PDB file of N, CA and C in Angstrom:
ATOM      1  N   MET A   1      68.686 113.372 121.861  1.00  0.00           N
ATOM      2  CA  MET A   1      70.334 113.409 121.938  1.00  0.00           C
ATOM      3  C   MET A   1      70.766 115.095 121.409  1.00  0.00           C
ATOM      4  N   GLY A   2      71.806 115.523 122.245  1.00  0.00           N
ATOM      5  CA  GLY A   2      72.022 116.825 121.689  1.00  0.00           C
ATOM      6  C   GLY A   2      72.753 116.859 120.383  1.00  0.00           C
ATOM      7  N   SER A   3      72.736 117.962 119.594  1.00  0.00           N
ATOM      8  CA  SER A   3      73.355 117.951 118.478  1.00  0.00           C
ATOM      9  C   SER A   3      74.900 118.186 118.273  1.00  0.00           C
ATOM     10  N   GLN A   4      75.273 118.419 119.410  1.00  0.00           N
ATOM     11  CA  GLN A   4      76.567 118.553 119.582  1.00  0.00           C
ATOM     12  C   GLN A   4      77.410 117.022 119.656  1.00  0.00           C
ATOM     13  N   PHE A   5      76.504 116.147 119.983  1.00  0.00           N
ATOM     14  CA  PHE A   5      77.104 114.806 120.051  1.00  0.00           C
ATOM     15  C   PHE A   5      76.787 114.143 118.595  1.00  0.00           C
ATOM     16  N   THR A   6      76.202 114.708 117.731  1.00  0.00           N
ATOM     17  CA  THR A   6      75.987 114.241 116.262  1.00  0.00           C
ATOM     18  C   THR A   6      76.561 114.982 115.339  1.00  0.00           C
ATOM     19  N   SER A   7      77.093 115.839 115.517  1.00  0.00           N
ATOM     20  CA  SER A   7      77.647 116.944 114.632  1.00  0.00           C
ATOM     21  C   SER A   7      78.704 116.274 114.074  1.00  0.00           C
ATOM     22  N   PHE A   8      78.873 116.724 112.645  1.00  0.00           N
ATOM     23  CA  PHE A   8      80.103 116.349 111.847  1.00  0.00           C
ATOM     24  C   PHE A   8      81.530 116.637 112.579  1.00  0.00           C
ATOM     25  N   GLY A   9      81.733 117.981 113.064  1.00  0.00           N
ATOM     26  CA  GLY A   9      82.812 118.217 113.559  1.00  0.00           C
ATOM     27  C   GLY A   9      83.233 117.576 114.868  1.00  0.00           C
ATOM     28  N   PHE A  10      82.238 116.793 115.571  1.00  0.00           N
ATOM     29  CA  PHE A  10      82.239 116.326 116.765  1.00  0.00           C
ATOM     30  C   PHE A  10      82.795 114.726 116.509  1.00  0.00           C
ATOM     31  N   GLU A  11      82.328 114.460 115.446  1.00  0.00           N
ATOM     32  CA  GLU A  11      82.486 112.800 114.786  1.00  0.00           C
ATOM     33  C   GLU A  11      83.964 113.173 114.306  1.00  0.00           C
ATOM     34  N   ASN A  12      84.407 114.198 113.595  1.00  0.00           N
ATOM     35  CA  ASN A  12      85.779 113.896 113.147  1.00  0.00           C
ATOM     36  C   ASN A  12      86.734 114.020 114.371  1.00  0.00           C
ATOM     37  N   LEU A  13      86.404 115.050 115.403  1.00  0.00           N
ATOM     38  CA  LEU A  13      87.067 114.918 116.343  1.00  0.00           C
ATOM     39  C   LEU A  13      87.731 113.763 117.042  1.00  0.00           C
ATOM     40  N   LEU A  14      86.299 112.948 117.496  1.00  0.00           N
ATOM     41  CA  LEU A  14      86.616 111.618 117.894  1.00  0.00           C
ATOM     42  C   LEU A  14      87.330 110.628 116.970  1.00  0.00           C
ATOM     43  N   ASN A  15      87.193 110.649 115.817  1.00  0.00           N
ATOM     44  CA  ASN A  15      87.713 109.986 114.706  1.00  0.00           C
ATOM     45  C   ASN A  15      89.455 110.270 114.744  1.00  0.00           C
ATOM     46  N   ARG A  16      89.682 111.576 114.675  1.00  0.00           N
ATOM     47  CA  ARG A  16      90.952 111.910 115.118  1.00  0.00           C
ATOM     48  C   ARG A  16      91.960 111.357 116.115  1.00  0.00           C
ATOM     49  N   HIS A  17      91.193 111.328 117.307  1.00  0.00           N
ATOM     50  CA  HIS A  17      91.788 110.795 118.431  1.00  0.00           C
ATOM     51  C   HIS A  17      91.556 109.249 118.779  1.00  0.00           C
ATOM     52  N   LYS A  18      91.187 108.410 117.735  1.00  0.00           N
ATOM     53  CA  LYS A  18      90.609 106.998 117.635  1.00  0.00           C
ATOM     54  C   LYS A  18      89.655 106.713 118.751  1.00  0.00           C
ATOM     55  N   ILE A  19      88.789 107.475 119.053  1.00  0.00           N
ATOM     56  CA  ILE A  19      87.683 107.178 120.152  1.00  0.00           C
ATOM     57  C   ILE A  19      86.352 106.563 119.339  1.00  0.00           C
ATOM     58  N   ASP A  20      85.805 105.421 119.795  1.00  0.00           N
ATOM     59  CA  ASP A  20      84.403 105.263 119.338  1.00  0.00           C
ATOM     60  C   ASP A  20      83.510 105.928 119.998  1.00  0.00           C
ATOM     61  N   HIS A  21      82.405 106.103 119.312  1.00  0.00           N
ATOM     62  CA  HIS A  21      81.227 106.953 120.080  1.00  0.00           C
ATOM     63  C   HIS A  21      80.142 105.790 120.001  1.00  0.00           C
ATOM     64  N   SER A  22      79.726 105.922 120.890  1.00  0.00           N
ATOM     65  CA  SER A  22      78.504 104.933 121.613  1.00  0.00           C
ATOM     66  C   SER A  22      77.361 105.788 121.605  1.00  0.00           C
ATOM     67  N   TYR A  23      76.173 105.407 120.938  1.00  0.00           N
ATOM     68  CA  TYR A  23      74.871 106.065 120.815  1.00  0.00           C
ATOM     69  C   TYR A  23      73.814 105.082 121.868  1.00  0.00           C
ATOM     70  N   SER A  24      73.191 105.684 122.711  1.00  0.00           N
ATOM     71  CA  SER A  24      71.840 104.635 123.181  1.00  0.00           C
ATOM     72  C   SER A  24      71.114 104.967 122.109  1.00  0.00           C
ATOM     73  N   THR A  25      70.299 103.730 122.593  1.00  0.00           N
ATOM     74  CA  THR A  25      69.162 103.664 121.835  1.00  0.00           C
ATOM     75  C   THR A  25      68.146 104.899 121.862  1.00  0.00           C
ATOM     76  N   LEU A  26      67.425 105.273 120.893  1.00  0.00           N
ATOM     77  CA  LEU A  26      66.675 106.346 120.930  1.00  0.00           C
ATOM     78  C   LEU A  26      65.514 106.113 122.086  1.00  0.00           C
ATOM     79  N   GLY A  27      65.383 106.716 123.014  1.00  0.00           N
ATOM     80  CA  GLY A  27      64.339 106.551 123.941  1.00  0.00           C
ATOM     81  C   GLY A  27      64.776 105.729 125.137  1.00  0.00           C
ATOM     82  N   HIS A  28      65.923 105.260 125.059  1.00  0.00           N
ATOM     83  CA  HIS A  28      66.529 104.215 126.021  1.00  0.00           C
ATOM     84  C   HIS A  28      67.755 104.823 126.713  1.00  0.00           C
ATOM     85  N   PRO A  29      67.570 105.435 127.699  1.00  0.00           N
ATOM     86  CA  PRO A  29      68.737 106.231 128.440  1.00  0.00           C
ATOM     87  C   PRO A  29      69.609 105.265 129.269  1.00  0.00           C
ATOM     88  N   TYR A  30      68.599 104.140 129.867  1.00  0.00           N
ATOM     89  CA  TYR A  30      69.275 103.209 130.573  1.00  0.00           C
ATOM     90  C   TYR A  30      70.334 102.434 129.808  1.00  0.00           C
ATOM     91  N   ASP A  31      70.641 102.526 128.515  1.00  0.00           N
ATOM     92  CA  ASP A  31      71.505 101.547 127.710  1.00  0.00           C
ATOM     93  C   ASP A  31      72.873 102.060 128.376  1.00  0.00           C
ATOM     94  N   HIS A  32      72.971 103.184 128.865  1.00  0.00           N
ATOM     95  CA  HIS A  32      74.380 103.587 129.448  1.00  0.00           C
ATOM     96  C   HIS A  32      74.150 104.230 131.073  1.00  0.00           C
ATOM     97  N   ALA A  33      73.533 103.260 131.673  1.00  0.00           N
ATOM     98  CA  ALA A  33      73.207 103.723 133.180  1.00  0.00           C
ATOM     99  C   ALA A  33      74.236 104.065 133.981  1.00  0.00           C
ATOM    100  N   LYS A  34      75.265 103.265 133.725  1.00  0.00           N
ATOM    101  CA  LYS A  34      76.441 103.349 135.013  1.00  0.00           C
ATOM    102  C   LYS A  34      77.196 104.853 134.542  1.00  0.00           C
ATOM    103  N   ILE A  35      77.535 105.138 133.302  1.00  0.00           N
ATOM    104  CA  ILE A  35      78.182 106.240 132.802  1.00  0.00           C
ATOM    105  C   ILE A  35      77.457 107.508 133.040  1.00  0.00           C
ATOM    106  N   GLU A  36      75.812 107.467 132.791  1.00  0.00           N
ATOM    107  CA  GLU A  36      75.133 108.303 133.160  1.00  0.00           C
ATOM    108  C   GLU A  36      74.744 108.808 134.371  1.00  0.00           C
ATOM    109  N   SER A  37      75.100 107.678 135.404  1.00  0.00           N
ATOM    110  CA  SER A  37      74.873 107.840 136.600  1.00  0.00           C
ATOM    111  C   SER A  37      76.262 108.857 137.113  1.00  0.00           C
ATOM    112  N   PHE A  38      77.447 108.003 136.727  1.00  0.00           N
ATOM    113  CA  PHE A  38      78.851 108.827 137.025  1.00  0.00           C
ATOM    114  C   PHE A  38      78.720 110.309 136.707  1.00  0.00           C
ATOM    115  N   HIS A  39      78.209 110.456 135.430  1.00  0.00           N
ATOM    116  CA  HIS A  39      77.934 111.956 135.128  1.00  0.00           C
ATOM    117  C   HIS A  39      77.200 113.007 136.051  1.00  0.00           C
ATOM    118  N   SER A  40      76.108 112.331 136.443  1.00  0.00           N
ATOM    119  CA  SER A  40      75.286 113.077 137.317  1.00  0.00           C
ATOM    120  C   SER A  40      76.042 113.307 138.460  1.00  0.00           C
ATOM    121  N   LEU A  41      76.733 112.363 139.085  1.00  0.00           N
ATOM    122  CA  LEU A  41      77.604 112.611 140.542  1.00  0.00           C
ATOM    123  C   LEU A  41      78.648 113.514 140.108  1.00  0.00           C
ATOM    124  N   LEU A  42      79.396 113.508 139.105  1.00  0.00           N
ATOM    125  CA  LEU A  42      80.159 114.448 138.757  1.00  0.00           C
ATOM    126  C   LEU A  42      79.879 115.755 138.913  1.00  0.00           C
ATOM    127  N   LYS A  43      78.733 116.172 137.991  1.00  0.00           N
ATOM    128  CA  LYS A  43      77.962 117.277 137.859  1.00  0.00           C
ATOM    129  C   LYS A  43      77.743 117.853 139.703  1.00  0.00           C
ATOM    130  N   ARG A  44      76.915 116.963 140.072  1.00  0.00           N
ATOM    131  CA  ARG A  44      76.329 117.051 141.430  1.00  0.00           C
ATOM    132  C   ARG A  44      77.483 117.733 142.585  1.00  0.00           C
ATOM    133  N   GLU A  45      78.665 116.769 142.554  1.00  0.00           N
ATOM    134  CA  GLU A  45      79.575 116.893 143.515  1.00  0.00           C
ATOM    135  C   GLU A  45      80.761 117.673 143.223  1.00  0.00           C
ATOM    136  N   MET A  46      80.696 118.055 141.921  1.00  0.00           N
ATOM    137  CA  MET A  46      82.242 118.972 141.727  1.00  0.00           C
ATOM    138  C   MET A  46      81.698 120.202 140.832  1.00  0.00           C
ATOM    139  N   ILE A  47      81.162 119.882 139.467  1.00  0.00           N
ATOM    140  CA  ILE A  47      80.828 120.896 138.453  1.00  0.00           C
ATOM    141  C   ILE A  47      80.086 122.054 139.045  1.00  0.00           C
ATOM    142  N   TYR A  48      78.925 121.702 139.682  1.00  0.00           N
ATOM    143  CA  TYR A  48      77.948 122.735 140.092  1.00  0.00           C
ATOM    144  C   TYR A  48      78.443 123.438 141.492  1.00  0.00           C
ATOM    145  N   GLN A  49      79.631 122.881 142.080  1.00  0.00           N
ATOM    146  CA  GLN A  49      79.931 123.400 143.335  1.00  0.00           C
ATOM    147  C   GLN A  49      81.081 124.583 143.137  1.00  0.00           C
ATOM    148  N   PHE A  50      81.688 124.393 142.262  1.00  0.00           N
ATOM    149  CA  PHE A  50      82.789 125.470 142.180  1.00  0.00           C
ATOM    150  C   PHE A  50      82.855 126.368 140.991  1.00  0.00           C
ATOM    151  N   ARG A  51      83.507 127.212 140.703  1.00  0.00           N
ATOM    152  CA  ARG A  51      83.725 128.266 139.531  1.00  0.00           C
ATOM    153  C   ARG A  51      85.159 127.941 139.307  1.00  0.00           C
ATOM    154  N   PHE A  52      85.501 127.756 137.873  1.00  0.00           N
ATOM    155  CA  PHE A  52      86.831 127.289 137.487  1.00  0.00           C
ATOM    156  C   PHE A  52      87.178 128.439 136.481  1.00  0.00           C
ATOM    157  N   PRO A  53      88.442 128.774 136.984  1.00  0.00           N
ATOM    158  CA  PRO A  53      88.856 130.112 136.458  1.00  0.00           C
ATOM    159  C   PRO A  53      89.364 129.898 134.758  1.00  0.00           C
ATOM    160  N   SER A  54      89.619 128.612 134.410  1.00  0.00           N
ATOM    161  CA  SER A  54      89.923 128.461 132.945  1.00  0.00           C
ATOM    162  C   SER A  54      89.644 127.130 132.611  1.00  0.00           C
ATOM    163  N   ILE A  55      89.583 126.513 131.561  1.00  0.00           N
ATOM    164  CA  ILE A  55      89.277 125.573 130.953  1.00  0.00           C
ATOM    165  C   ILE A  55      90.411 124.392 131.539  1.00  0.00           C
ATOM    166  N   ALA A  56      91.654 124.976 131.628  1.00  0.00           N
ATOM    167  CA  ALA A  56      92.744 124.114 132.099  1.00  0.00           C
ATOM    168  C   ALA A  56      92.605 123.623 133.540  1.00  0.00           C
ATOM    169  N   HIS A  57      91.947 124.523 134.573  1.00  0.00           N
ATOM    170  CA  HIS A  57      91.502 124.197 135.874  1.00  0.00           C
ATOM    171  C   HIS A  57      90.473 123.072 135.828  1.00  0.00           C
ATOM    172  N   LEU A  58      89.314 123.380 135.019  1.00  0.00           N
ATOM    173  CA  LEU A  58      88.426 122.364 134.895  1.00  0.00           C
ATOM    174  C   LEU A  58      89.000 120.999 134.504  1.00  0.00           C
ATOM    175  N   ILE A  59      89.623 120.843 133.430  1.00  0.00           N
ATOM    176  CA  ILE A  59      90.146 119.518 133.160  1.00  0.00           C
ATOM    177  C   ILE A  59      90.974 119.068 134.343  1.00  0.00           C
ATOM    178  N   LEU A  60      91.843 119.675 134.948  1.00  0.00           N
ATOM    179  CA  LEU A  60      92.814 119.313 136.096  1.00  0.00           C
ATOM    180  C   LEU A  60      91.847 118.558 137.241  1.00  0.00           C
ATOM    181  N   ASP A  61      90.879 119.492 137.469  1.00  0.00           N
ATOM    182  CA  ASP A  61      89.851 119.043 138.743  1.00  0.00           C
ATOM    183  C   ASP A  61      89.284 117.874 138.119  1.00  0.00           C
ATOM    184  N   VAL A  62      88.583 117.856 136.973  1.00  0.00           N
ATOM    185  CA  VAL A  62      87.698 116.694 136.592  1.00  0.00           C
ATOM    186  C   VAL A  62      88.743 115.487 136.629  1.00  0.00           C
ATOM    187  N   SER A  63      90.177 115.668 136.195  1.00  0.00           N
ATOM    188  CA  SER A  63      90.905 114.448 136.269  1.00  0.00           C
ATOM    189  C   SER A  63      91.251 114.058 137.479  1.00  0.00           C
ATOM    190  N   LYS A  64      91.075 114.884 138.558  1.00  0.00           N
ATOM    191  CA  LYS A  64      91.445 114.443 139.944  1.00  0.00           C
ATOM    192  C   LYS A  64      90.262 114.049 140.414  1.00  0.00           C
ATOM    193  N   TYR A  65      89.043 114.385 140.290  1.00  0.00           N
ATOM    194  CA  TYR A  65      87.818 113.816 140.494  1.00  0.00           C
ATOM    195  C   TYR A  65      87.769 112.412 140.237  1.00  0.00           C
ATOM    196  N   ILE A  66      88.022 111.939 138.860  1.00  0.00           N
ATOM    197  CA  ILE A  66      88.064 110.693 138.418  1.00  0.00           C
ATOM    198  C   ILE A  66      88.909 109.923 138.822  1.00  0.00           C
ATOM    199  N   HIS A  67      90.222 110.481 139.267  1.00  0.00           N
ATOM    200  CA  HIS A  67      91.231 109.520 140.062  1.00  0.00           C
ATOM    201  C   HIS A  67      90.604 109.172 141.250  1.00  0.00           C
ATOM    202  N   TRP A  68      89.978 109.995 141.897  1.00  0.00           N
ATOM    203  CA  TRP A  68      89.341 109.985 143.550  1.00  0.00           C
ATOM    204  C   TRP A  68      88.259 108.978 143.376  1.00  0.00           C
ATOM    205  N   PHE A  69      87.150 109.269 142.277  1.00  0.00           N
ATOM    206  CA  PHE A  69      86.225 108.263 142.441  1.00  0.00           C
ATOM    207  C   PHE A  69      86.868 106.826 141.918  1.00  0.00           C
ATOM    208  N   ASN A  70      87.528 106.544 141.139  1.00  0.00           N
ATOM    209  CA  ASN A  70      88.092 105.296 140.824  1.00  0.00           C
ATOM    210  C   ASN A  70      89.235 104.621 142.159  1.00  0.00           C
ATOM    211  N   ASP A  71      89.832 105.473 142.568  1.00  0.00           N
ATOM    212  CA  ASP A  71      90.850 104.882 143.251  1.00  0.00           C
ATOM    213  C   ASP A  71      90.742 104.961 144.988  1.00  0.00           C
ATOM    214  N   GLU A  72      89.946 105.971 145.179  1.00  0.00           N
ATOM    215  CA  GLU A  72      90.277 106.403 146.788  1.00  0.00           C
ATOM    216  C   GLU A  72      88.874 106.448 147.377  1.00  0.00           C
ATOM    217  N   ARG A  73      87.750 106.603 146.916  1.00  0.00           N
ATOM    218  CA  ARG A  73      86.518 106.833 147.367  1.00  0.00           C
ATOM    219  C   ARG A  73      86.226 105.403 148.239  1.00  0.00           C
ATOM    220  N   ILE A  74      85.284 105.834 149.272  1.00  0.00           N
ATOM    221  CA  ILE A  74      85.110 104.798 150.334  1.00  0.00           C
ATOM    222  C   ILE A  74      83.634 103.989 149.801  1.00  0.00           C
ATOM    223  N   SER A  75      83.977 102.834 149.694  1.00  0.00           N
ATOM    224  CA  SER A  75      82.571 102.062 149.365  1.00  0.00           C
ATOM    225  C   SER A  75      81.797 102.005 150.513  1.00  0.00           C
ATOM    226  N   VAL A  76      80.466 102.410 150.196  1.00  0.00           N
ATOM    227  CA  VAL A  76      79.192 102.528 151.196  1.00  0.00           C
ATOM    228  C   VAL A  76      79.033 101.030 151.709  1.00  0.00           C
ATOM    229  N   ALA A  77      78.997 100.232 150.763  1.00  0.00           N
ATOM    230  CA  ALA A  77      78.787  98.811 151.223  1.00  0.00           C
ATOM    231  C   ALA A  77      79.806  98.007 152.140  1.00  0.00           C
ATOM    232  N   ASN A  78      80.998  98.422 152.054  1.00  0.00           N
ATOM    233  CA  ASN A  78      82.088  97.479 153.247  1.00  0.00           C
ATOM    234  C   ASN A  78      82.911  98.555 153.873  1.00  0.00           C
ATOM    235  N   ARG A  79      82.910  99.987 153.596  1.00  0.00           N
ATOM    236  CA  ARG A  79      83.387 100.959 154.299  1.00  0.00           C
ATOM    237  C   ARG A  79      84.967 101.037 154.035  1.00  0.00           C
ATOM    238  N   LYS A  80      85.414 100.244 153.133  1.00  0.00           N
ATOM    239  CA  LYS A  80      86.985 100.183 152.745  1.00  0.00           C
ATOM    240  C   LYS A  80      87.231 101.037 151.341  1.00  0.00           C
ATOM    241  N   THR A  81      88.236 101.285 151.313  1.00  0.00           N
ATOM    242  CA  THR A  81      88.923 101.858 150.133  1.00  0.00           C
ATOM    243  C   THR A  81      88.637 100.693 148.911  1.00  0.00           C
ATOM    244  N   LYS A  82      88.251 101.019 147.725  1.00  0.00           N
ATOM    245  CA  LYS A  82      88.012 100.151 146.748  1.00  0.00           C
ATOM    246  C   LYS A  82      89.640  99.655 146.200  1.00  0.00           C
ATOM    247  N   VAL A  83      89.497  98.402 146.016  1.00  0.00           N
ATOM    248  CA  VAL A  83      90.704  97.793 145.535  1.00  0.00           C
ATOM    249  C   VAL A  83      90.841  97.962 143.980  1.00  0.00           C
ATOM    250  N   ALA A  84      92.134  98.192 143.509  1.00  0.00           N
ATOM    251  CA  ALA A  84      92.095  98.152 141.776  1.00  0.00           C
ATOM    252  C   ALA A  84      92.085  96.908 141.361  1.00  0.00           C
TER     253      ALA A  84
END
Protein backbone atom coordinates (compact mmCIF):
# COMPACT_ATOMS: atom_id res chain seq x y z
CA MET A 1 0.00 0.00 0.00
CA GLY A 2 1.37 3.41 -0.90
CA SER A 3 2.57 5.63 1.92
CA GLN A 4 0.32 8.44 0.70
CA PHE A 5 -2.72 6.34 1.66
CA THR A 6 -1.51 5.66 5.19
CA SER A 7 -0.06 9.07 6.05
CA PHE A 8 -1.32 11.03 9.03
CA GLY A 9 -2.10 14.03 6.79
CA PHE A 10 -4.16 11.93 4.39
CA GLU A 11 -6.12 10.36 7.24
CA ASN A 12 -6.81 13.84 8.68
CA LEU A 13 -8.05 15.07 5.30
CA LEU A 14 -10.45 12.13 5.06
CA ASN A 15 -11.67 12.70 8.60
CA ARG A 16 -12.31 16.41 7.96
CA HIS A 17 -14.53 15.48 5.02
CA LYS A 18 -16.22 12.62 6.93
CA ILE A 19 -14.86 9.99 4.53
CA ASP A 20 -14.30 6.44 5.78
CA HIS A 21 -11.04 4.93 4.58
CA SER A 22 -11.17 1.30 3.53
CA TYR A 23 -8.06 -0.85 3.38
CA SER A 24 -7.63 -4.11 1.51
CA THR A 25 -6.22 -7.01 3.45
CA LEU A 26 -2.47 -7.04 2.84
CA GLY A 27 -1.77 -9.19 -0.20
CA HIS A 28 -5.45 -9.39 -1.21
CA PRO A 29 -6.14 -6.63 -3.76
CA TYR A 30 -9.28 -8.46 -4.90
CA ASP A 31 -10.98 -7.21 -1.72
CA HIS A 32 -11.84 -4.13 -3.78
CA ALA A 33 -11.85 -5.64 -7.26
CA LYS A 34 -14.68 -3.52 -8.66
CA ILE A 35 -13.15 -0.18 -7.75
CA GLU A 36 -9.68 -1.37 -8.79
CA SER A 37 -11.14 -2.33 -12.17
CA PHE A 38 -12.84 1.06 -12.48
CA HIS A 39 -9.60 2.89 -11.63
CA SER A 40 -7.79 0.86 -14.28
CA LEU A 41 -10.39 1.82 -16.90
CA LEU A 42 -10.35 5.47 -15.84
CA LYS A 43 -6.58 5.64 -16.23
CA ARG A 44 -6.50 3.72 -19.51
CA GLU A 45 -9.46 5.44 -21.17
CA MET A 46 -8.92 8.98 -19.94
CA ILE A 47 -6.00 9.89 -17.69
CA TYR A 48 -3.24 8.47 -19.89
CA GLN A 49 -4.87 9.75 -23.09
CA PHE A 50 -4.78 13.48 -22.37
CA ARG A 51 -2.68 16.26 -20.90
CA PHE A 52 -4.55 18.43 -18.44
CA PRO A 53 -3.62 22.12 -18.24
CA SER A 54 -4.55 22.30 -14.56
CA ILE A 55 -5.85 20.27 -11.63
CA ALA A 56 -9.21 22.02 -12.12
CA HIS A 57 -9.41 20.66 -15.69
CA LEU A 58 -8.46 17.19 -14.46
CA ILE A 59 -11.14 17.25 -11.76
CA LEU A 60 -13.78 18.43 -14.23
CA ASP A 61 -12.87 15.79 -16.80
CA VAL A 62 -12.78 12.99 -14.21
CA SER A 63 -16.22 14.11 -12.99
CA LYS A 64 -17.53 13.99 -16.56
CA TYR A 65 -16.01 10.53 -17.06
CA ILE A 66 -17.63 9.22 -13.88
CA HIS A 67 -21.00 10.61 -14.98
CA TRP A 68 -20.57 8.98 -18.40
CA PHE A 69 -19.42 5.70 -16.85
CA ASN A 70 -22.34 5.53 -14.43
CA ASP A 71 -25.14 6.98 -16.53
CA GLU A 72 -24.46 6.91 -20.25
CA ARG A 73 -22.15 4.11 -21.31
CA ILE A 74 -23.55 1.28 -23.36
CA SER A 75 -23.76 -2.09 -21.69
CA VAL A 76 -21.85 -4.63 -23.75
CA ALA A 77 -24.16 -7.40 -22.60
CA ASN A 78 -27.42 -5.93 -23.86
CA ARG A 79 -26.35 -2.95 -26.01
CA LYS A 80 -28.68 -0.66 -24.07
CA THR A 81 -27.96 2.42 -22.02
CA LYS A 82 -27.78 1.59 -18.34
CA VAL A 83 -30.91 2.32 -16.33
CA ALA A 84 -30.39 4.29 -13.13
